[in-house]
Amino acid sequence: MERAVIIIDTREQEEYAFDPARVETRRAALPAGDYSLAGSEDRVAVERKSLDDYVNTVIRSRKRFAAELKRLREMEYACVVVEADLADVFARRYRAGVNPTSVFGATISIVVDHSVPVYFCSDRQIACRFTQDFLLRVHGAIQEAADVEA
């Protein structure tokens, strides 16, 4: 199997440090999300969010984020990864003075109305691991499908 190359969007300011023994990384402009796979940028996207960024985005930048969700929805493999637990939302462990119920409702809307899964991954380290392993699994699925077609 070909080695996975993770593409990190050029606008990503707090890029993850993936395991160099498992993946190679490159920076490039992506059509959606912060992370993708080389050769599958139009099929694969992971949108990374810190908890503060997630809350601000889903509440205060809802219209702009709806356009991003539309692009993610069109992808074969896409998700939003939040560097926090859902319990952190209900405990108000974010700076914005937003009701946790509103954030929770916005999350449900993303999943149901936009068909984009949202994964709350405890902290940045676990979110990084989730993103890496998600992309590796997708890479394997794409490679397997290509082998079947060949």
C-alpha atoms as a PDB file:
ATOM      1  CA  MET A   1       0.000   0.000   0.000  1.00  0.00           C
ATOM      2  CA  GLU A   2       1.161   3.469  -0.892  1.00  0.00           C
ATOM      3  CA  ARG A   3       2.232   5.683   2.047  1.00  0.00           C
ATOM      4  CA  ALA A   4      -0.398   8.224   3.109  1.00  0.00           C
ATOM      5  CA  VAL A   5       0.396  11.887   2.495  1.00  0.00           C
ATOM      6  CA  ILE A   6      -1.675  14.249   4.619  1.00  0.00           C
ATOM      7  CA  ILE A   7      -2.230  17.684   3.139  1.00  0.00           C
ATOM      8  CA  ILE A   8      -2.424  20.525   5.663  1.00  0.00           C
ATOM      9  CA  ASP A   9      -4.263  23.611   4.474  1.00  0.00           C
ATOM     10  CA  THR A  10      -2.061  26.691   4.061  1.00  0.00           C
ATOM     11  CA  ARG A  11      -4.481  28.670   6.275  1.00  0.00           C
ATOM     12  CA  GLU A  12      -4.188  26.199   9.171  1.00  0.00           C
ATOM     13  CA  GLN A  13      -2.429  28.165  11.925  1.00  0.00           C
ATOM     14  CA  GLU A  14      -2.096  25.477  14.604  1.00  0.00           C
ATOM     15  CA  GLU A  15      -1.204  22.427  12.550  1.00  0.00           C
ATOM     16  CA  TYR A  16      -1.113  18.997  14.083  1.00  0.00           C
ATOM     17  CA  ALA A  17       2.172  17.127  14.495  1.00  0.00           C
ATOM     18  CA  PHE A  18       1.431  13.731  12.992  1.00  0.00           C
ATOM     19  CA  ASP A  19       3.602  10.646  13.499  1.00  0.00           C
ATOM     20  CA  PRO A  20       6.302  10.884  10.775  1.00  0.00           C
ATOM     21  CA  ALA A  21       6.778   7.114  10.930  1.00  0.00           C
ATOM     22  CA  ARG A  22       3.177   6.668   9.775  1.00  0.00           C
ATOM     23  CA  VAL A  23       2.486   9.597   7.438  1.00  0.00           C
ATOM     24  CA  GLU A  24       4.135  12.263   5.354  1.00  0.00           C
ATOM     25  CA  THR A  25       2.749  15.819   5.441  1.00  0.00           C
ATOM     26  CA  ARG A  26       2.665  18.647   2.923  1.00  0.00           C
ATOM     27  CA  ARG A  27       1.088  22.096   2.945  1.00  0.00           C
ATOM     28  CA  ALA A  28      -1.258  23.224   0.161  1.00  0.00           C
ATOM     29  CA  ALA A  29      -4.481  25.192  -0.270  1.00  0.00           C
ATOM     30  CA  LEU A  30      -7.488  22.929   0.270  1.00  0.00           C
ATOM     31  CA  PRO A  31     -10.994  23.424  -1.143  1.00  0.00           C
ATOM     32  CA  ALA A  32     -12.485  22.535   2.261  1.00  0.00           C
ATOM     33  CA  GLY A  33     -11.297  21.671   5.738  1.00  0.00           C
ATOM     34  CA  ASP A  34      -7.873  21.834   7.342  1.00  0.00           C
ATOM     35  CA  TYR A  35      -6.606  18.337   6.501  1.00  0.00           C
ATOM     36  CA  SER A  36      -6.973  16.020   3.519  1.00  0.00           C
ATOM     37  CA  LEU A  37      -5.132  13.339   1.583  1.00  0.00           C
ATOM     38  CA  ALA A  38      -2.868  13.931  -1.403  1.00  0.00           C
ATOM     39  CA  GLY A  39      -4.735  13.097  -4.589  1.00  0.00           C
ATOM     40  CA  SER A  40      -8.101  13.100  -2.793  1.00  0.00           C
ATOM     41  CA  GLU A  41      -8.427  16.757  -1.820  1.00  0.00           C
ATOM     42  CA  ASP A  42     -11.844  16.921  -3.494  1.00  0.00           C
ATOM     43  CA  ARG A  43     -13.059  13.776  -1.663  1.00  0.00           C
ATOM     44  CA  VAL A  44     -11.629  14.011   1.870  1.00  0.00           C
ATOM     45  CA  ALA A  45     -11.654  16.798   4.482  1.00  0.00           C
ATOM     46  CA  VAL A  46     -11.270  17.196   8.226  1.00  0.00           C
ATOM     47  CA  GLU A  47     -12.181  20.565   9.719  1.00  0.00           C
ATOM     48  CA  ARG A  48     -10.304  21.111  13.016  1.00  0.00           C
ATOM     49  CA  LYS A  49     -11.715  23.351  15.733  1.00  0.00           C
ATOM     50  CA  SER A  50     -10.594  24.337  19.201  1.00  0.00           C
ATOM     51  CA  LEU A  51     -13.571  24.670  21.551  1.00  0.00           C
ATOM     52  CA  ASP A  52     -13.479  28.485  21.511  1.00  0.00           C
ATOM     53  CA  ASP A  53     -13.251  28.538  17.720  1.00  0.00           C
ATOM     54  CA  TYR A  54     -16.036  25.965  17.398  1.00  0.00           C
ATOM     55  CA  VAL A  55     -18.419  27.950  19.629  1.00  0.00           C
ATOM     56  CA  ASN A  56     -17.689  31.229  17.832  1.00  0.00           C
ATOM     57  CA  THR A  57     -18.015  29.604  14.430  1.00  0.00           C
ATOM     58  CA  VAL A  58     -21.298  27.756  14.988  1.00  0.00           C
ATOM     59  CA  ILE A  59     -22.961  30.711  16.724  1.00  0.00           C
ATOM     60  CA  ARG A  60     -21.419  33.974  15.534  1.00  0.00           C
ATOM     61  CA  SER A  61     -20.112  32.953  12.086  1.00  0.00           C
ATOM     62  CA  ARG A  62     -22.971  30.620  11.236  1.00  0.00           C
ATOM     63  CA  LYS A  63     -23.564  31.972   7.728  1.00  0.00           C
ATOM     64  CA  ARG A  64     -19.910  31.683   6.684  1.00  0.00           C
ATOM     65  CA  PHE A  65     -19.638  28.237   8.272  1.00  0.00           C
ATOM     66  CA  ALA A  66     -22.751  27.080   6.389  1.00  0.00           C
ATOM     67  CA  ALA A  67     -20.785  27.562   3.151  1.00  0.00           C
ATOM     68  CA  GLU A  68     -17.934  25.440   4.570  1.00  0.00           C
ATOM     69  CA  LEU A  69     -20.423  22.764   5.667  1.00  0.00           C
ATOM     70  CA  LYS A  70     -21.865  22.706   2.150  1.00  0.00           C
ATOM     71  CA  ARG A  71     -18.386  21.955   0.770  1.00  0.00           C
ATOM     72  CA  LEU A  72     -17.812  19.298   3.450  1.00  0.00           C
ATOM     73  CA  ARG A  73     -21.165  17.669   2.714  1.00  0.00           C
ATOM     74  CA  GLU A  74     -20.153  17.252  -0.929  1.00  0.00           C
ATOM     75  CA  MET A  75     -17.078  15.276   0.126  1.00  0.00           C
ATOM     76  CA  GLU A  76     -17.100  11.487   0.252  1.00  0.00           C
ATOM     77  CA  TYR A  77     -15.284  11.494   3.621  1.00  0.00           C
ATOM     78  CA  ALA A  78     -15.588  14.588   5.826  1.00  0.00           C
ATOM     79  CA  CYS A  79     -16.021  15.564   9.440  1.00  0.00           C
ATOM     80  CA  VAL A  80     -15.528  18.284  12.019  1.00  0.00           C
ATOM     81  CA  VAL A  81     -13.138  17.471  14.873  1.00  0.00           C
ATOM     82  CA  VAL A  82     -13.457  19.478  18.085  1.00  0.00           C
ATOM     83  CA  GLU A  83     -10.566  19.552  20.557  1.00  0.00           C
ATOM     84  CA  ALA A  84     -12.861  19.184  23.586  1.00  0.00           C
ATOM     85  CA  ASP A  85     -15.565  17.005  25.094  1.00  0.00           C
ATOM     86  CA  LEU A  86     -19.248  17.739  24.795  1.00  0.00           C
ATOM     87  CA  ALA A  87     -19.154  17.956  28.600  1.00  0.00           C
ATOM     88  CA  ASP A  88     -16.841  20.987  28.139  1.00  0.00           C
ATOM     89  CA  VAL A  89     -19.621  22.682  26.183  1.00  0.00           C
ATOM     90  CA  PHE A  90     -22.160  22.134  28.967  1.00  0.00           C
ATOM     91  CA  ALA A  91     -19.606  23.225  31.586  1.00  0.00           C
ATOM     92  CA  ARG A  92     -19.098  26.474  29.565  1.00  0.00           C
ATOM     93  CA  ARG A  93     -15.350  25.966  29.210  1.00  0.00           C
ATOM     94  CA  TYR A  94     -15.206  28.538  26.427  1.00  0.00           C
ATOM     95  CA  ARG A  95     -14.846  32.314  26.387  1.00  0.00           C
ATOM     96  CA  ALA A  96     -17.973  33.315  24.463  1.00  0.00           C
ATOM     97  CA  GLY A  97     -20.997  34.160  26.555  1.00  0.00           C
ATOM     98  CA  VAL A  98     -23.146  31.687  24.648  1.00  0.00           C
ATOM     99  CA  ASN A  99     -25.700  29.334  26.148  1.00  0.00           C
ATOM    100  CA  PRO A 100     -24.448  25.724  25.966  1.00  0.00           C
ATOM    101  CA  THR A 101     -27.872  24.620  24.726  1.00  0.00           C
ATOM    102  CA  SER A 102     -27.390  26.851  21.660  1.00  0.00           C
ATOM    103  CA  VAL A 103     -24.006  25.262  20.927  1.00  0.00           C
ATOM    104  CA  PHE A 104     -25.494  21.795  21.387  1.00  0.00           C
ATOM    105  CA  GLY A 105     -28.396  22.671  19.068  1.00  0.00           C
ATOM    106  CA  ALA A 106     -25.986  24.009  16.446  1.00  0.00           C
ATOM    107  CA  THR A 107     -24.022  20.752  16.683  1.00  0.00           C
ATOM    108  CA  ILE A 108     -27.156  18.673  16.137  1.00  0.00           C
ATOM    109  CA  SER A 109     -28.000  20.913  13.155  1.00  0.00           C
ATOM    110  CA  ILE A 110     -24.571  20.284  11.597  1.00  0.00           C
ATOM    111  CA  VAL A 111     -25.035  16.526  11.923  1.00  0.00           C
ATOM    112  CA  VAL A 112     -28.680  16.313  10.851  1.00  0.00           C
ATOM    113  CA  ASP A 113     -29.230  19.262   8.502  1.00  0.00           C
ATOM    114  CA  HIS A 114     -25.803  19.239   6.841  1.00  0.00           C
ATOM    115  CA  SER A 115     -25.003  15.502   7.125  1.00  0.00           C
ATOM    116  CA  VAL A 116     -21.524  16.239   8.472  1.00  0.00           C
ATOM    117  CA  PRO A 117     -20.417  14.294  11.566  1.00  0.00           C
ATOM    118  CA  VAL A 118     -18.952  16.228  14.493  1.00  0.00           C
ATOM    119  CA  TYR A 119     -16.495  14.397  16.735  1.00  0.00           C
ATOM    120  CA  PHE A 120     -15.727  15.769  20.196  1.00  0.00           C
ATOM    121  CA  CYS A 121     -12.239  14.407  20.908  1.00  0.00           C
ATOM    122  CA  SER A 122     -11.456  15.369  24.529  1.00  0.00           C
ATOM    123  CA  ASP A 123      -8.352  17.484  23.862  1.00  0.00           C
ATOM    124  CA  ARG A 124      -5.905  18.542  21.166  1.00  0.00           C
ATOM    125  CA  GLN A 125      -3.721  15.428  21.483  1.00  0.00           C
ATOM    126  CA  ILE A 126      -6.637  13.024  21.065  1.00  0.00           C
ATOM    127  CA  ALA A 127      -8.092  15.151  18.251  1.00  0.00           C
ATOM    128  CA  CYS A 128      -4.727  14.929  16.463  1.00  0.00           C
ATOM    129  CA  ARG A 129      -4.667  11.161  16.877  1.00  0.00           C
ATOM    130  CA  PHE A 130      -8.266  10.875  15.699  1.00  0.00           C
ATOM    131  CA  THR A 131      -7.539  13.009  12.618  1.00  0.00           C
ATOM    132  CA  GLN A 132      -4.430  11.005  11.723  1.00  0.00           C
ATOM    133  CA  ASP A 133      -6.143   7.640  12.152  1.00  0.00           C
ATOM    134  CA  PHE A 134      -9.311   8.814  10.357  1.00  0.00           C
ATOM    135  CA  LEU A 135      -7.220   9.907   7.386  1.00  0.00           C
ATOM    136  CA  LEU A 136      -5.166   6.688   7.433  1.00  0.00           C
ATOM    137  CA  ARG A 137      -8.348   4.599   7.443  1.00  0.00           C
ATOM    138  CA  VAL A 138      -9.811   6.629   4.568  1.00  0.00           C
ATOM    139  CA  HIS A 139      -6.503   6.317   2.691  1.00  0.00           C
ATOM    140  CA  GLY A 140      -6.712   2.532   3.086  1.00  0.00           C
ATOM    141  CA  ALA A 141     -10.318   2.469   1.862  1.00  0.00           C
ATOM    142  CA  ILE A 142      -9.453   4.554  -1.191  1.00  0.00           C
ATOM    143  CA  GLN A 143      -6.431   2.348  -1.969  1.00  0.00           C
ATOM    144  CA  GLU A 144      -8.507  -0.821  -1.562  1.00  0.00           C
ATOM    145  CA  ALA A 145     -11.211   0.517  -3.899  1.00  0.00           C
ATOM    146  CA  ALA A 146      -8.551   1.442  -6.472  1.00  0.00           C
ATOM    147  CA  ASP A 147      -7.070  -2.074  -6.257  1.00  0.00           C
ATOM    148  CA  VAL A 148     -10.497  -3.651  -6.838  1.00  0.00           C
ATOM    149  CA  GLU A 149     -11.065  -1.430  -9.885  1.00  0.00           C
ATOM    150  CA  ALA A 150      -7.645  -2.286 -11.349  1.00  0.00           C
END
